[in-house]
């Protein structure tokens, strides 16, 4: 029975070695395919940051645009909707067209709260700095 076990061990180890080599080869092909796909699509790709074609937002050289007005409007309308206030038809249509999940709305509300806190903190620190200068 020992020779059979040794034969099994030998055959299984050679099989696993073959599988590893095949996996590496396939992985290389996947990387090449992804690179080829990017090359083909770049002419039609549009950056969501600067709105120009030819690159993705993550590759954009310009400063990231943060649409505070969008999130502020979204937060206020979500709050009205949550409080069961009657929305104007235009606001209702905007809310329905955005069709975000409740989690995303909550995330936006948290995001806005953090922005407001940072803005108020920066205003407080700048006013205290001005007081120190005048003293």
Protein backbone atom coordinates (compact mmCIF):
# COMPACT_ATOMS: atom_id res chain seq x y z
CA UNK A 1 0.00 0.00 0.00
CA UNK A 2 2.93 2.38 0.52
CA UNK A 3 3.95 2.48 -3.14
CA UNK A 4 0.39 3.42 -4.08
CA UNK A 5 0.38 6.31 -1.60
CA UNK A 6 3.75 7.51 -2.89
CA UNK A 7 2.46 7.33 -6.44
CA UNK A 8 -0.61 9.33 -5.47
CA UNK A 9 1.49 11.95 -3.73
CA UNK A 10 3.78 12.26 -6.70
CA UNK A 11 0.95 12.52 -9.19
CA UNK A 12 -1.04 15.00 -7.12
CA UNK A 13 1.95 17.28 -6.58
CA UNK A 14 2.77 17.30 -10.28
CA UNK A 15 -0.88 18.05 -11.08
CA UNK A 16 -0.97 20.97 -8.67
CA UNK A 17 2.27 22.30 -10.13
CA UNK A 18 0.74 22.13 -13.60
CA UNK A 19 -2.38 23.94 -12.39
CA UNK A 20 -0.33 26.76 -10.87
CA UNK A 21 1.52 27.29 -14.14
CA UNK A 22 -1.71 27.31 -16.12
CA UNK A 23 -3.25 29.79 -13.67
CA UNK A 24 -0.32 32.17 -14.05
CA UNK A 25 -0.53 31.94 -17.83
CA UNK A 26 -4.27 32.65 -17.78
CA UNK A 27 -3.76 35.56 -15.37
CA UNK A 28 -1.24 37.14 -17.75
CA UNK A 29 -3.75 36.85 -20.59
CA UNK A 30 -6.44 38.53 -18.48
CA UNK A 31 -4.13 41.46 -17.74
CA UNK A 32 -3.31 41.80 -21.44
CA UNK A 33 -7.00 41.66 -22.37
CA UNK A 34 -7.87 44.39 -19.86
CA UNK A 35 -5.10 46.60 -21.24
CA UNK A 36 -6.37 46.01 -24.79
CA UNK A 37 -9.94 46.87 -23.75
CA UNK A 38 -8.79 50.15 -22.21
CA UNK A 39 -6.91 51.07 -25.38
CA UNK A 40 -9.97 50.43 -27.53
CA UNK A 41 -12.43 52.29 -25.29
CA UNK A 42 -10.39 55.40 -24.48
CA UNK A 43 -11.68 57.29 -27.50
CA UNK A 44 -15.25 57.02 -26.20
CA UNK A 45 -14.55 57.38 -22.47
CA UNK A 46 -15.78 60.56 -20.78
CA UNK A 47 -14.37 61.94 -17.53
CA UNK A 48 -17.05 62.69 -14.94
CA UNK A 49 -14.77 65.24 -13.30
CA UNK A 50 -13.83 67.63 -16.14
CA UNK A 51 -16.38 66.33 -18.68
CA UNK A 52 -13.67 65.83 -21.36
CA UNK A 53 -13.20 62.68 -23.41
CA UNK A 54 -10.19 60.36 -23.46
CA UNK A 55 -9.68 59.52 -19.78
CA UNK A 56 -11.45 58.36 -16.64
CA UNK A 57 -12.16 60.56 -13.62
CA UNK A 58 -9.60 58.64 -11.54
CA UNK A 59 -6.93 59.58 -14.12
CA UNK A 60 -8.04 63.22 -14.36
CA UNK A 61 -5.31 65.83 -13.83
CA UNK A 62 -7.71 68.56 -12.70
CA UNK A 63 -8.81 69.01 -9.10
CA UNK A 64 -11.78 66.85 -8.18
CA UNK A 65 -15.10 68.63 -8.49
CA UNK A 66 -17.41 68.16 -5.54
CA UNK A 67 -20.97 68.98 -6.39
CA UNK A 68 -22.04 70.42 -3.03
CA UNK A 69 -25.24 71.93 -4.45
CA UNK A 70 -26.42 68.53 -5.71
CA UNK A 71 -25.87 66.89 -2.32
CA UNK A 72 -27.39 69.83 -0.46
CA UNK A 73 -30.53 69.73 -2.63
CA UNK A 74 -30.69 65.97 -2.32
CA UNK A 75 -30.37 66.15 1.47
CA UNK A 76 -33.05 68.83 1.85
CA UNK A 77 -35.52 67.01 -0.39
CA UNK A 78 -34.83 63.72 1.37
CA UNK A 79 -35.46 65.44 4.70
CA UNK A 80 -38.76 66.88 3.44
CA UNK A 81 -39.75 63.48 2.11
CA UNK A 82 -38.82 61.84 5.42
CA UNK A 83 -40.86 64.41 7.36
CA UNK A 84 -43.75 63.62 5.00
CA UNK A 85 -43.97 67.20 3.78
CA UNK A 86 -45.63 67.74 0.43
CA UNK A 87 -43.03 68.14 -2.29
CA UNK A 88 -43.54 70.29 -5.36
CA UNK A 89 -44.14 68.25 -8.51
CA UNK A 90 -40.74 69.34 -9.84
CA UNK A 91 -38.97 68.26 -6.64
CA UNK A 92 -40.88 64.98 -6.58
CA UNK A 93 -39.89 64.26 -10.18
CA UNK A 94 -36.25 65.08 -9.36
CA UNK A 95 -36.31 62.71 -6.40
CA UNK A 96 -37.87 59.93 -8.45
CA UNK A 97 -35.52 60.41 -11.38
CA UNK A 98 -32.44 60.16 -9.18
CA UNK A 99 -33.83 56.86 -7.87
CA UNK A 100 -31.16 56.46 -5.18
CA UNK A 101 -31.47 53.88 -2.46
CA UNK A 102 -32.22 54.98 1.10
CA UNK A 103 -28.69 54.03 2.11
CA UNK A 104 -27.20 56.39 -0.46
CA UNK A 105 -29.47 59.22 0.70
CA UNK A 106 -28.41 58.61 4.29
CA UNK A 107 -24.78 58.52 3.20
CA UNK A 108 -25.25 61.86 1.42
CA UNK A 109 -26.85 63.33 4.53
CA UNK A 110 -23.91 62.17 6.65
CA UNK A 111 -21.55 63.54 4.03
CA UNK A 112 -23.26 66.94 4.11
CA UNK A 113 -23.23 66.97 7.91
CA UNK A 114 -19.49 66.33 7.83
CA UNK A 115 -18.97 69.09 5.27
CA UNK A 116 -20.98 71.53 7.39
CA UNK A 117 -18.95 70.57 10.47
CA UNK A 118 -15.65 71.09 8.63
CA UNK A 119 -16.84 74.44 7.28
CA UNK A 120 -18.00 75.62 10.70
CA UNK A 121 -14.77 74.38 12.31
CA UNK A 122 -12.67 76.20 9.72
CA UNK A 123 -14.68 79.40 10.23
CA UNK A 124 -14.24 79.12 13.99
CA UNK A 125 -10.50 78.53 13.71
CA UNK A 126 -10.05 81.44 11.28
CA UNK A 127 -12.02 83.80 13.55
CA UNK A 128 -9.98 82.73 16.59
CA UNK A 129 -6.80 83.29 14.57
CA UNK A 130 -7.98 86.79 13.70
CA UNK A 131 -8.69 87.53 17.37
CA UNK A 132 -5.15 86.46 18.29
CA UNK A 133 -3.68 88.73 15.64
CA UNK A 134 -5.61 91.77 16.88
CA UNK A 135 -4.73 91.14 20.52
